[in-house]
Amino acid sequence: VGALGGALLRVFVLTAVLAPFLPLQSPYEKFYNRRFLAPSSAHWMGTDEFGRDVFSRIIYGARVSLYVGLMTVIIAGVLGGIAGVTSGYIRGKLDLFVQRVADVVMGFPTLVLALVLVAALGSSVNNVVLAIAIVFVPRVQRIARSAALTTGENAYVEAAYALGASRWRIVFRHVMPSCLPPILVLCTGYLGTAIIVEASLSFLGLGVPPPDPSWGRMLQGAARIYAEKAPWMVIFPGLAITLVVFGFNLFGDAVRDLLDPKMRNR
């Protein structure tokens, strides 16, 4: 299962990274005399309403989706991990404050809060990344806090405190490394979710602004108007989203099994 997920991700990552060097047609240039061409040897996935090559736009759209997914989980993992481990070990008023803020953020549905944040920050790739990361931070923080509560009771942590190590040294030197496996597993699972949220925002017109290709924005224009006339404009972007999310989910399950001692022993 992990190998299958890794193979899918390898295909998307390699094509996204090598897109500028591949012999692809321009994903931005419009040819009105080539509108709604069906898939053929000249255009493997057909053309859209502006005569742009759908295959090229999907390849370049993978760059946007993977960038959003990776940057989102990196930001959410770092901020949520530090906040969760710190509050879970130090506790007290700091833990109370962090938990109440997390409760407020988690009280909103994921897509609704992301919509509000993007509308407030403005439509751009980096703002989409920031908005989705803010939504994921409290969820990562909860997992990190749970791991820190358990790790903080270990003998080696108490020994470090008895030897005079400061609380912050204990947090970053002794507690944080033990809390990384569950954080990594959660962030790997959120990669696919971040891509879906970005596609949803783009579909609603609040994601990546044009003319940059985005799978969600490709569906926005095609699904409502041209689905019957040119079904390939809907099928291929939807299939790309499905495969990359499926690959991330399979890969996340494999990472979980690898880092979980009970699953590894089986």
Protein backbone atom coordinates (compact mmCIF):
# COMPACT_ATOMS: atom_id res chain seq x y z
CA VAL A 1 0.00 0.00 0.00
CA GLY A 2 2.79 2.40 0.90
CA ALA A 3 4.63 1.57 -2.30
CA LEU A 4 1.52 2.29 -4.36
CA GLY A 5 1.01 5.63 -2.63
CA GLY A 6 4.68 6.47 -3.04
CA ALA A 7 4.55 5.60 -6.75
CA LEU A 8 1.57 7.89 -7.32
CA LEU A 9 3.22 10.73 -5.45
CA ARG A 10 6.50 10.18 -7.29
CA VAL A 11 4.73 10.63 -10.63
CA PHE A 12 3.03 13.86 -9.56
CA VAL A 13 6.10 15.31 -7.85
CA LEU A 14 8.43 14.56 -10.75
CA THR A 15 6.06 15.97 -13.34
CA ALA A 16 5.46 19.08 -11.21
CA VAL A 17 9.18 19.69 -10.66
CA LEU A 18 10.17 18.98 -14.26
CA ALA A 19 7.21 20.78 -15.86
CA PRO A 20 9.27 23.76 -17.15
CA PHE A 21 11.67 21.32 -18.88
CA LEU A 22 9.05 19.05 -20.45
CA PRO A 23 7.93 19.56 -24.07
CA LEU A 24 4.51 20.86 -23.06
CA GLN A 25 2.31 23.43 -24.71
CA SER A 26 1.89 26.70 -22.87
CA PRO A 27 -0.75 26.44 -20.11
CA TYR A 28 -1.43 30.19 -20.42
CA GLU A 29 -1.54 30.89 -24.17
CA LYS A 30 -5.03 31.02 -25.68
CA PHE A 31 -5.97 29.68 -29.11
CA TYR A 32 -9.59 30.46 -29.87
CA ASN A 33 -9.49 28.37 -33.03
CA ARG A 34 -8.77 25.27 -30.89
CA ARG A 35 -11.65 25.57 -28.43
CA PHE A 36 -13.23 22.36 -27.08
CA LEU A 37 -11.02 19.97 -29.00
CA ALA A 38 -11.51 16.38 -27.83
CA PRO A 39 -8.54 14.35 -26.53
CA SER A 40 -6.20 13.38 -29.35
CA SER A 41 -2.52 12.83 -30.10
CA ALA A 42 -2.06 16.61 -30.37
CA HIS A 43 -3.90 17.34 -27.12
CA TRP A 44 -3.86 14.31 -24.87
CA MET A 45 -6.61 15.64 -22.61
CA GLY A 46 -8.31 18.00 -25.03
CA THR A 47 -8.56 21.79 -24.84
CA ASP A 48 -10.71 24.12 -22.75
CA GLU A 49 -13.00 27.03 -23.58
CA PHE A 50 -10.00 29.25 -24.43
CA GLY A 51 -8.17 26.67 -26.54
CA ARG A 52 -5.58 26.00 -23.81
CA ASP A 53 -4.15 22.51 -23.49
CA VAL A 54 -5.78 20.74 -20.53
CA PHE A 55 -2.87 18.35 -20.04
CA SER A 56 -0.39 21.23 -19.68
CA ARG A 57 -2.68 23.00 -17.25
CA ILE A 58 -3.04 19.88 -15.12
CA ILE A 59 0.74 19.41 -15.00
CA TYR A 60 1.30 23.03 -13.98
CA GLY A 61 -1.68 22.83 -11.63
CA ALA A 62 0.14 20.01 -9.81
CA ARG A 63 2.88 22.51 -8.95
CA VAL A 64 0.33 24.75 -7.24
CA SER A 65 -1.46 21.93 -5.41
CA LEU A 66 1.72 20.27 -4.14
CA TYR A 67 3.18 23.62 -3.08
CA VAL A 68 0.03 24.48 -1.13
CA GLY A 69 -0.14 21.05 0.47
CA LEU A 70 3.53 20.88 1.51
CA MET A 71 3.80 24.45 2.77
CA THR A 72 0.54 24.12 4.68
CA VAL A 73 1.59 21.04 6.62
CA ILE A 74 5.09 22.43 7.25
CA ILE A 75 3.70 25.63 8.78
CA ALA A 76 0.93 23.83 10.67
CA GLY A 77 3.33 21.12 11.87
CA VAL A 78 5.95 23.56 13.15
CA LEU A 79 3.55 26.00 14.83
CA GLY A 80 1.15 23.36 16.12
CA GLY A 81 3.95 21.09 17.28
CA ILE A 82 5.76 23.81 19.23
CA ALA A 83 2.53 25.12 20.78
CA GLY A 84 1.27 21.67 21.69
CA VAL A 85 4.49 20.31 23.16
CA THR A 86 5.17 23.51 25.10
CA SER A 87 1.68 23.74 26.58
CA GLY A 88 1.52 20.01 27.27
CA TYR A 89 4.76 19.99 29.25
CA ILE A 90 4.68 23.38 30.99
CA ARG A 91 0.89 23.33 31.59
CA GLY A 92 -0.56 25.93 33.92
CA LYS A 93 -1.96 29.17 32.54
CA LEU A 94 -0.09 28.76 29.26
CA ASP A 95 -1.81 25.44 28.59
CA LEU A 96 -5.19 26.89 29.53
CA PHE A 97 -4.76 29.83 27.15
CA VAL A 98 -3.54 27.71 24.24
CA GLN A 99 -6.39 25.21 24.65
CA ARG A 100 -9.06 27.90 24.73
CA VAL A 101 -7.69 29.47 21.54
CA ALA A 102 -7.63 26.03 19.90
CA ASP A 103 -11.22 25.41 20.97
CA VAL A 104 -12.35 28.65 19.35
CA VAL A 105 -10.59 27.90 16.06
CA MET A 106 -11.78 24.29 15.96
CA GLY A 107 -15.34 25.43 16.60
CA PHE A 108 -15.56 26.60 12.98
CA PRO A 109 -15.87 24.16 10.07
CA THR A 110 -12.60 23.80 8.15
CA LEU A 111 -13.79 25.13 4.80
CA VAL A 112 -15.85 27.96 6.33
CA LEU A 113 -12.93 29.27 8.37
CA ALA A 114 -10.59 28.97 5.39
CA LEU A 115 -13.08 30.93 3.27
CA VAL A 116 -13.25 33.71 5.86
CA LEU A 117 -9.47 33.93 6.19
CA VAL A 118 -8.84 34.00 2.44
CA ALA A 119 -11.54 36.63 1.98
CA ALA A 120 -9.87 38.74 4.67
CA LEU A 121 -6.26 38.21 3.52
CA GLY A 122 -6.87 38.37 -0.23
CA SER A 123 -6.69 35.81 -3.00
CA SER A 124 -3.14 34.60 -3.61
CA VAL A 125 -1.20 31.35 -3.32
CA ASN A 126 0.63 32.33 -0.12
CA ASN A 127 -2.55 33.63 1.50
CA VAL A 128 -4.28 30.34 0.71
CA VAL A 129 -1.37 28.50 2.34
CA LEU A 130 -1.56 30.71 5.42
CA ALA A 131 -5.34 30.38 5.73
CA ILE A 132 -5.31 26.58 5.51
CA ALA A 133 -2.34 26.36 7.90
CA ILE A 134 -4.19 28.42 10.52
CA VAL A 135 -7.09 25.98 10.28
CA PHE A 136 -4.80 22.97 10.81
CA VAL A 137 -2.62 24.39 13.61
CA PRO A 138 -5.00 23.66 16.53
CA ARG A 139 -5.56 20.10 15.27
CA VAL A 140 -1.84 19.43 15.20
CA GLN A 141 -1.49 21.17 18.56
CA ARG A 142 -3.96 18.78 20.18
CA ILE A 143 -2.04 15.71 19.02
CA ALA A 144 1.29 17.23 20.06
CA ARG A 145 -0.09 18.13 23.48
CA SER A 146 -1.36 14.60 24.06
CA ALA A 147 2.04 13.18 23.17
CA ALA A 148 3.80 15.71 25.42
CA LEU A 149 1.57 14.86 28.41
CA THR A 150 2.67 11.23 28.13
CA THR A 151 6.32 11.92 27.35
CA GLY A 152 6.65 14.41 30.22
CA GLU A 153 6.12 11.59 32.73
CA ASN A 154 9.07 9.55 31.50
CA ALA A 155 12.04 8.97 33.77
CA TYR A 156 14.61 10.58 31.44
CA VAL A 157 12.61 13.84 31.40
CA GLU A 158 12.43 13.90 35.19
CA ALA A 159 16.15 13.12 35.34
CA ALA A 160 16.94 16.06 33.06
CA TYR A 161 14.86 18.34 35.28
CA ALA A 162 16.61 17.00 38.40
CA LEU A 163 20.00 17.74 36.84
CA GLY A 164 19.01 21.40 36.49
CA ALA A 165 18.00 21.62 32.83
CA SER A 166 15.66 24.51 32.08
CA ARG A 167 12.09 23.86 31.02
CA TRP A 168 12.70 25.15 27.51
CA ARG A 169 15.76 22.93 27.11
CA ILE A 170 13.74 19.93 28.23
CA VAL A 171 10.93 20.82 25.80
CA PHE A 172 13.13 21.12 22.71
CA ARG A 173 15.86 18.62 23.60
CA HIS A 174 14.00 15.78 25.30
CA VAL A 175 10.21 16.06 24.85
CA MET A 176 9.93 17.34 21.28
CA PRO A 177 11.88 14.47 19.59
CA SER A 178 9.62 11.89 21.24
CA CYS A 179 6.51 13.73 20.03
CA LEU A 180 7.59 13.94 16.37
CA PRO A 181 6.22 10.56 15.15
CA PRO A 182 2.51 11.31 15.80
CA ILE A 183 2.96 14.85 14.45
CA LEU A 184 4.55 13.52 11.26
CA VAL A 185 1.77 10.98 10.80
CA LEU A 186 -0.92 13.62 11.24
CA CYS A 187 0.78 16.08 8.90
CA THR A 188 1.17 13.40 6.23
CA GLY A 189 -2.55 12.73 6.41
CA TYR A 190 -3.34 16.44 6.20
CA LEU A 191 -1.45 16.78 2.91
CA GLY A 192 -4.37 15.37 0.98
CA THR A 193 -6.86 17.40 3.01
CA ALA A 194 -4.97 20.62 2.28
CA ILE A 195 -5.08 19.91 -1.46
CA ILE A 196 -8.84 19.30 -1.26
CA VAL A 197 -9.39 22.54 0.67
CA GLU A 198 -7.30 24.49 -1.86
CA ALA A 199 -9.28 22.97 -4.73
CA SER A 200 -12.52 23.86 -2.94
CA LEU A 201 -11.41 27.45 -2.41
CA SER A 202 -10.37 27.74 -6.06
CA PHE A 203 -13.66 26.21 -7.15
CA LEU A 204 -15.49 28.91 -5.17
CA GLY A 205 -13.32 31.62 -6.74
CA LEU A 206 -11.28 32.44 -3.60
CA GLY A 207 -8.22 30.29 -4.17
CA VAL A 208 -5.32 30.69 -6.56
CA PRO A 209 -6.02 33.71 -8.81
CA PRO A 210 -5.92 33.37 -12.61
CA PRO A 211 -4.10 32.89 -14.89
CA ASP A 212 -2.17 30.40 -12.70
CA PRO A 213 -3.55 26.88 -13.35
CA SER A 214 -5.38 25.30 -10.44
CA TRP A 215 -7.31 22.05 -10.47
CA GLY A 216 -10.13 23.58 -8.47
CA ARG A 217 -10.38 26.62 -10.73
CA MET A 218 -10.39 24.37 -13.80
CA LEU A 219 -13.42 22.64 -12.34
CA GLN A 220 -15.03 25.97 -11.49
CA GLY A 221 -15.29 27.04 -15.12
CA ALA A 222 -15.91 23.61 -16.61
CA ALA A 223 -18.29 21.89 -14.22
CA ARG A 224 -21.10 24.41 -14.37
CA ILE A 225 -21.18 25.25 -18.06
CA TYR A 226 -19.23 22.83 -20.24
CA ALA A 227 -19.65 19.48 -18.47
CA GLU A 228 -21.93 18.08 -21.17
CA LYS A 229 -20.24 19.75 -24.13
CA ALA A 230 -16.67 18.93 -23.12
CA PRO A 231 -16.68 16.33 -20.32
CA TRP A 232 -12.88 15.95 -20.44
CA MET A 233 -12.60 19.41 -18.88
CA VAL A 234 -14.22 17.97 -15.75
CA ILE A 235 -12.99 14.38 -15.78
CA PHE A 236 -9.23 14.97 -15.92
CA PRO A 237 -8.88 17.68 -13.22
CA GLY A 238 -11.17 15.67 -10.95
CA LEU A 239 -9.13 12.53 -11.62
CA ALA A 240 -5.90 14.39 -10.82
CA ILE A 241 -7.28 15.55 -7.47
CA THR A 242 -8.53 12.04 -6.69
CA LEU A 243 -5.23 10.33 -7.50
CA VAL A 244 -2.98 12.72 -5.60
CA VAL A 245 -5.20 12.67 -2.49
CA PHE A 246 -5.43 8.88 -2.74
CA GLY A 247 -1.64 8.66 -2.97
CA PHE A 248 -1.13 10.91 0.06
CA ASN A 249 -3.63 8.87 2.09
CA LEU A 250 -1.93 5.59 1.23
CA PHE A 251 1.47 7.09 1.97
CA GLY A 252 0.20 8.49 5.30
CA ASP A 253 -1.09 5.06 6.32
CA ALA A 254 2.31 3.55 5.52
CA VAL A 255 4.11 6.22 7.56
CA ARG A 256 1.77 5.56 10.48
CA ASP A 257 2.48 1.83 10.35
CA LEU A 258 6.20 2.47 10.11
CA LEU A 259 6.37 4.84 13.09
CA ASP A 260 3.89 2.95 15.29
CA PRO A 261 5.82 0.31 17.32
CA LYS A 262 2.76 -1.93 17.66
CA MET A 263 2.10 -1.98 13.91
CA ARG A 264 5.81 -2.43 13.17
CA ASN A 265 6.01 -5.49 15.43
CA ARG A 266 3.08 -7.07 13.60
